[in-house]
Amino acid sequence: MIEAKRHHCGQMARILRIEHQQAVARLGINAHRELVARFSESAFRRACLRDGRLIALWGVTGSALASAGYVWLAMSVEATRLPLAAVRETRRQLDEIMVLKRTLVTSILDGDAAAMRFAVFLGFVPADEPGALPAVSRDGRRDLARRSERSEGARLPIGSGSAVTMSYQHAEGM
């Protein structure tokens, strides 16, 4: 994991997961421009390299003084072939950010079921369910992902489509 640079946005736009590319295209959004915009707004931004090749890019936008931040993540196809490493590193990065933030929020684009499963696995819950606990079992995660995708209260219009807003908080005692 290294500090991300602006040129990583162009690289990532070319190697995004297929589901992410399709979800962005359905919304009528330019993936490269969107990555550059999120990158420019982020005070905390990281690039994950494997053997010198970019496989993931992420950051957190929002005021450094605010207790909440908006987290974004873009992964390559190669990163999806390393699911345990992806989960482990993402959790490590979330723990690092949670030293300064109490709540993280993200948006999962409609049609990107893999991103929804990943967010739910990490402990994200629909933003319209304050106090909701993360799912801890396989069945619980599957049900939460389905419920999240149908959640109209957490739905946010983006471009010509929408996304589901999810939130993350450290559980007490962790």
C-alpha atoms as a PDB file:
ATOM      1  CA  MET A   1       0.000   0.000   0.000  1.00  0.00           C
ATOM      2  CA  ILE A   2       1.420   3.358  -1.031  1.00  0.00           C
ATOM      3  CA  GLU A   3       0.224   6.953  -1.169  1.00  0.00           C
ATOM      4  CA  ALA A   4      -1.853   7.195  -4.357  1.00  0.00           C
ATOM      5  CA  LYS A   5      -0.850   9.589  -7.133  1.00  0.00           C
ATOM      6  CA  ARG A   6      -3.135  11.235  -9.685  1.00  0.00           C
ATOM      7  CA  HIS A   7      -1.804   9.089 -12.549  1.00  0.00           C
ATOM      8  CA  HIS A   8      -3.142   6.006 -10.740  1.00  0.00           C
ATOM      9  CA  CYS A   9      -6.677   7.213 -11.614  1.00  0.00           C
ATOM     10  CA  GLY A  10      -6.072   6.722 -15.343  1.00  0.00           C
ATOM     11  CA  GLN A  11      -4.491   3.333 -14.775  1.00  0.00           C
ATOM     12  CA  MET A  12      -7.398   2.195 -12.604  1.00  0.00           C
ATOM     13  CA  ALA A  13     -10.020   3.439 -15.076  1.00  0.00           C
ATOM     14  CA  ARG A  14      -8.501   1.059 -17.643  1.00  0.00           C
ATOM     15  CA  ILE A  15      -8.376  -2.000 -15.344  1.00  0.00           C
ATOM     16  CA  LEU A  16     -11.589  -1.681 -13.297  1.00  0.00           C
ATOM     17  CA  ARG A  17     -13.563  -4.829 -12.525  1.00  0.00           C
ATOM     18  CA  ILE A  18     -15.997  -5.622 -15.330  1.00  0.00           C
ATOM     19  CA  GLU A  19     -19.062  -5.242 -13.037  1.00  0.00           C
ATOM     20  CA  HIS A  20     -17.826  -1.815 -11.923  1.00  0.00           C
ATOM     21  CA  GLN A  21     -17.192  -0.734 -15.528  1.00  0.00           C
ATOM     22  CA  GLN A  22     -20.693  -1.836 -16.538  1.00  0.00           C
ATOM     23  CA  ALA A  23     -22.354  -0.142 -13.551  1.00  0.00           C
ATOM     24  CA  VAL A  24     -20.547   3.140 -14.277  1.00  0.00           C
ATOM     25  CA  ALA A  25     -21.404   2.927 -17.993  1.00  0.00           C
ATOM     26  CA  ARG A  26     -25.116   2.385 -17.220  1.00  0.00           C
ATOM     27  CA  LEU A  27     -25.094   5.616 -15.207  1.00  0.00           C
ATOM     28  CA  GLY A  28     -23.558   7.560 -18.078  1.00  0.00           C
ATOM     29  CA  ILE A  29     -20.545   8.548 -15.962  1.00  0.00           C
ATOM     30  CA  ASN A  30     -16.953   8.688 -17.210  1.00  0.00           C
ATOM     31  CA  ALA A  31     -14.982   6.379 -14.882  1.00  0.00           C
ATOM     32  CA  HIS A  32     -11.711   8.273 -15.293  1.00  0.00           C
ATOM     33  CA  ARG A  33     -13.247  11.680 -14.558  1.00  0.00           C
ATOM     34  CA  GLU A  34     -15.090  10.277 -11.537  1.00  0.00           C
ATOM     35  CA  LEU A  35     -11.917   8.696 -10.118  1.00  0.00           C
ATOM     36  CA  VAL A  36      -9.988  11.948 -10.608  1.00  0.00           C
ATOM     37  CA  ALA A  37     -12.789  13.919  -8.901  1.00  0.00           C
ATOM     38  CA  ARG A  38     -12.907  11.574  -5.895  1.00  0.00           C
ATOM     39  CA  PHE A  39      -9.102  11.481  -5.749  1.00  0.00           C
ATOM     40  CA  SER A  40      -8.897  15.300  -5.776  1.00  0.00           C
ATOM     41  CA  GLU A  41     -11.433  15.548  -2.922  1.00  0.00           C
ATOM     42  CA  SER A  42      -9.655  12.959  -0.772  1.00  0.00           C
ATOM     43  CA  ALA A  43      -7.259  13.819   2.015  1.00  0.00           C
ATOM     44  CA  PHE A  44      -6.552  10.107   2.555  1.00  0.00           C
ATOM     45  CA  ARG A  45      -5.802   8.135  -0.609  1.00  0.00           C
ATOM     46  CA  ARG A  46      -4.016   4.870  -1.152  1.00  0.00           C
ATOM     47  CA  ALA A  47      -2.926   2.671  -4.041  1.00  0.00           C
ATOM     48  CA  CYS A  48      -2.354  -1.044  -3.655  1.00  0.00           C
ATOM     49  CA  LEU A  49       0.337  -2.523  -5.858  1.00  0.00           C
ATOM     50  CA  ARG A  50       1.147  -6.169  -6.504  1.00  0.00           C
ATOM     51  CA  ASP A  51       4.521  -6.855  -8.090  1.00  0.00           C
ATOM     52  CA  GLY A  52       4.621  -3.168  -9.064  1.00  0.00           C
ATOM     53  CA  ARG A  53       1.200  -3.243 -10.772  1.00  0.00           C
ATOM     54  CA  LEU A  54      -1.790  -1.246  -9.542  1.00  0.00           C
ATOM     55  CA  ILE A  55      -4.621  -3.507  -8.353  1.00  0.00           C
ATOM     56  CA  ALA A  56      -6.707  -1.203  -6.124  1.00  0.00           C
ATOM     57  CA  LEU A  57      -7.212   2.498  -5.460  1.00  0.00           C
ATOM     58  CA  TRP A  58      -9.177   4.056  -2.637  1.00  0.00           C
ATOM     59  CA  GLY A  59      -9.630   7.143  -0.506  1.00  0.00           C
ATOM     60  CA  VAL A  60     -11.762   9.066   1.959  1.00  0.00           C
ATOM     61  CA  THR A  61     -13.321  12.441   1.180  1.00  0.00           C
ATOM     62  CA  GLY A  62     -14.651  14.980   3.634  1.00  0.00           C
ATOM     63  CA  SER A  63     -13.189  17.397   6.122  1.00  0.00           C
ATOM     64  CA  ALA A  64     -10.270  16.126   8.180  1.00  0.00           C
ATOM     65  CA  LEU A  65     -12.056  17.542  11.246  1.00  0.00           C
ATOM     66  CA  ALA A  66     -15.393  15.833  10.551  1.00  0.00           C
ATOM     67  CA  SER A  67     -16.303  12.643  12.382  1.00  0.00           C
ATOM     68  CA  ALA A  68     -17.689  11.110   9.170  1.00  0.00           C
ATOM     69  CA  GLY A  69     -16.079  10.466   5.814  1.00  0.00           C
ATOM     70  CA  TYR A  70     -17.094   9.171   2.401  1.00  0.00           C
ATOM     71  CA  VAL A  71     -14.997   6.172   1.372  1.00  0.00           C
ATOM     72  CA  TRP A  72     -14.532   5.057  -2.235  1.00  0.00           C
ATOM     73  CA  LEU A  73     -12.787   1.975  -3.607  1.00  0.00           C
ATOM     74  CA  ALA A  74     -11.892   0.836  -7.110  1.00  0.00           C
ATOM     75  CA  MET A  75     -10.498  -2.645  -7.680  1.00  0.00           C
ATOM     76  CA  SER A  76      -9.032  -4.400 -10.693  1.00  0.00           C
ATOM     77  CA  VAL A  77      -9.901  -7.870 -11.904  1.00  0.00           C
ATOM     78  CA  GLU A  78      -6.548  -9.015 -10.500  1.00  0.00           C
ATOM     79  CA  ALA A  79      -7.503  -7.814  -7.010  1.00  0.00           C
ATOM     80  CA  THR A  80     -10.674  -9.916  -7.113  1.00  0.00           C
ATOM     81  CA  ARG A  81      -8.524 -13.007  -7.607  1.00  0.00           C
ATOM     82  CA  LEU A  82      -7.042 -12.376  -4.144  1.00  0.00           C
ATOM     83  CA  PRO A  83     -10.190 -12.228  -1.982  1.00  0.00           C
ATOM     84  CA  LEU A  84      -8.576 -12.955   1.393  1.00  0.00           C
ATOM     85  CA  ALA A  85      -5.794 -10.448   0.826  1.00  0.00           C
ATOM     86  CA  ALA A  86      -8.335  -7.865  -0.404  1.00  0.00           C
ATOM     87  CA  VAL A  87     -10.491  -8.277   2.708  1.00  0.00           C
ATOM     88  CA  ARG A  88      -7.503  -8.270   5.055  1.00  0.00           C
ATOM     89  CA  GLU A  89      -5.948  -5.134   3.541  1.00  0.00           C
ATOM     90  CA  THR A  90      -9.268  -3.286   3.269  1.00  0.00           C
ATOM     91  CA  ARG A  91     -10.027  -4.001   6.918  1.00  0.00           C
ATOM     92  CA  ARG A  92      -6.557  -2.800   7.890  1.00  0.00           C
ATOM     93  CA  GLN A  93      -7.124   0.436   5.975  1.00  0.00           C
ATOM     94  CA  LEU A  94     -10.603   0.870   7.514  1.00  0.00           C
ATOM     95  CA  ASP A  95      -9.076   0.438  10.982  1.00  0.00           C
ATOM     96  CA  GLU A  96      -6.493   3.111  10.154  1.00  0.00           C
ATOM     97  CA  ILE A  97      -9.177   5.561   9.016  1.00  0.00           C
ATOM     98  CA  MET A  98     -11.459   4.801  11.966  1.00  0.00           C
ATOM     99  CA  VAL A  99      -8.817   6.269  14.284  1.00  0.00           C
ATOM    100  CA  LEU A 100      -9.961   9.663  12.958  1.00  0.00           C
ATOM    101  CA  LYS A 101     -13.535   8.962  11.842  1.00  0.00           C
ATOM    102  CA  ARG A 102     -16.525   7.570  13.714  1.00  0.00           C
ATOM    103  CA  THR A 103     -18.593   6.770  10.622  1.00  0.00           C
ATOM    104  CA  LEU A 104     -17.768   5.972   7.015  1.00  0.00           C
ATOM    105  CA  VAL A 105     -20.298   6.147   4.201  1.00  0.00           C
ATOM    106  CA  THR A 106     -20.082   4.727   0.686  1.00  0.00           C
ATOM    107  CA  SER A 107     -22.317   4.278  -2.349  1.00  0.00           C
ATOM    108  CA  ILE A 108     -22.762   0.961  -4.133  1.00  0.00           C
ATOM    109  CA  LEU A 109     -23.790   1.421  -7.762  1.00  0.00           C
ATOM    110  CA  ASP A 110     -26.896  -0.421  -8.932  1.00  0.00           C
ATOM    111  CA  GLY A 111     -25.995  -3.622 -10.711  1.00  0.00           C
ATOM    112  CA  ASP A 112     -22.661  -4.122  -8.933  1.00  0.00           C
ATOM    113  CA  ALA A 113     -23.612  -7.141  -6.819  1.00  0.00           C
ATOM    114  CA  ALA A 114     -19.962  -8.014  -6.117  1.00  0.00           C
ATOM    115  CA  ALA A 115     -19.357  -4.574  -4.572  1.00  0.00           C
ATOM    116  CA  MET A 116     -22.486  -4.972  -2.436  1.00  0.00           C
ATOM    117  CA  ARG A 117     -21.339  -8.393  -1.190  1.00  0.00           C
ATOM    118  CA  PHE A 118     -17.866  -7.020  -0.419  1.00  0.00           C
ATOM    119  CA  ALA A 119     -19.245  -4.018   1.495  1.00  0.00           C
ATOM    120  CA  VAL A 120     -21.622  -6.202   3.517  1.00  0.00           C
ATOM    121  CA  PHE A 121     -18.808  -8.670   4.255  1.00  0.00           C
ATOM    122  CA  LEU A 122     -16.675  -5.786   5.577  1.00  0.00           C
ATOM    123  CA  GLY A 123     -19.479  -4.678   7.908  1.00  0.00           C
ATOM    124  CA  PHE A 124     -21.285  -1.943   5.979  1.00  0.00           C
ATOM    125  CA  VAL A 125     -25.055  -1.662   6.519  1.00  0.00           C
ATOM    126  CA  PRO A 126     -27.756   0.391   4.726  1.00  0.00           C
ATOM    127  CA  ALA A 127     -27.401   4.034   5.740  1.00  0.00           C
ATOM    128  CA  ASP A 128     -31.156   4.332   6.320  1.00  0.00           C
ATOM    129  CA  GLU A 129     -30.997   1.788   9.169  1.00  0.00           C
ATOM    130  CA  PRO A 130     -29.379   3.671  12.072  1.00  0.00           C
ATOM    131  CA  GLY A 131     -28.058   1.314  14.699  1.00  0.00           C
ATOM    132  CA  ALA A 132     -28.182  -1.710  12.367  1.00  0.00           C
ATOM    133  CA  LEU A 133     -25.592  -4.331  13.185  1.00  0.00           C
ATOM    134  CA  PRO A 134     -23.360  -5.886  10.531  1.00  0.00           C
ATOM    135  CA  ALA A 135     -24.213  -9.422   9.457  1.00  0.00           C
ATOM    136  CA  VAL A 136     -21.871 -12.081  10.827  1.00  0.00           C
ATOM    137  CA  SER A 137     -23.078 -15.262   9.122  1.00  0.00           C
ATOM    138  CA  ARG A 138     -23.175 -16.248   5.465  1.00  0.00           C
ATOM    139  CA  ASP A 139     -26.994 -16.276   5.472  1.00  0.00           C
ATOM    140  CA  GLY A 140     -27.087 -12.986   7.365  1.00  0.00           C
ATOM    141  CA  ARG A 141     -24.747 -11.334   4.849  1.00  0.00           C
ATOM    142  CA  ARG A 142     -26.784 -12.651   1.904  1.00  0.00           C
ATOM    143  CA  ASP A 143     -30.029 -11.356   3.448  1.00  0.00           C
ATOM    144  CA  LEU A 144     -28.467  -7.983   4.300  1.00  0.00           C
ATOM    145  CA  ALA A 145     -27.124  -7.588   0.747  1.00  0.00           C
ATOM    146  CA  ARG A 146     -30.568  -8.338  -0.716  1.00  0.00           C
ATOM    147  CA  ARG A 147     -32.286  -5.998   1.744  1.00  0.00           C
ATOM    148  CA  SER A 148     -29.733  -3.275   0.981  1.00  0.00           C
ATOM    149  CA  GLU A 149     -30.294  -3.525  -2.767  1.00  0.00           C
ATOM    150  CA  ARG A 150     -34.056  -3.078  -2.244  1.00  0.00           C
ATOM    151  CA  SER A 151     -33.692  -0.271   0.314  1.00  0.00           C
ATOM    152  CA  GLU A 152     -35.436   2.784  -1.129  1.00  0.00           C
ATOM    153  CA  GLY A 153     -34.545   4.935   1.885  1.00  0.00           C
ATOM    154  CA  ALA A 154     -30.827   4.463   1.237  1.00  0.00           C
ATOM    155  CA  ARG A 155     -31.107   4.970  -2.530  1.00  0.00           C
ATOM    156  CA  LEU A 156     -29.319   7.963  -4.016  1.00  0.00           C
ATOM    157  CA  PRO A 157     -29.774   9.205  -7.610  1.00  0.00           C
ATOM    158  CA  ILE A 158     -26.495   9.251  -9.542  1.00  0.00           C
ATOM    159  CA  GLY A 159     -26.228  10.163 -13.216  1.00  0.00           C
ATOM    160  CA  SER A 160     -28.991   8.333 -15.066  1.00  0.00           C
ATOM    161  CA  GLY A 161     -29.346   5.660 -12.348  1.00  0.00           C
ATOM    162  CA  SER A 162     -28.884   5.268  -8.632  1.00  0.00           C
ATOM    163  CA  ALA A 163     -26.784   3.763  -5.869  1.00  0.00           C
ATOM    164  CA  VAL A 164     -27.378   2.426  -2.380  1.00  0.00           C
ATOM    165  CA  THR A 165     -25.781   4.392   0.448  1.00  0.00           C
ATOM    166  CA  MET A 166     -24.100   2.192   3.055  1.00  0.00           C
ATOM    167  CA  SER A 167     -22.492   3.133   6.379  1.00  0.00           C
ATOM    168  CA  TYR A 168     -19.764   1.607   8.526  1.00  0.00           C
ATOM    169  CA  GLN A 169     -18.998   2.011  12.204  1.00  0.00           C
ATOM    170  CA  HIS A 170     -16.703   0.094  14.481  1.00  0.00           C
ATOM    171  CA  ALA A 171     -18.700  -2.149  16.787  1.00  0.00           C
ATOM    172  CA  GLU A 172     -18.378  -1.311  20.477  1.00  0.00           C
ATOM    173  CA  GLY A 173     -15.583  -3.185  22.167  1.00  0.00           C
ATOM    174  CA  MET A 174     -13.559  -3.715  18.990  1.00  0.00           C
END
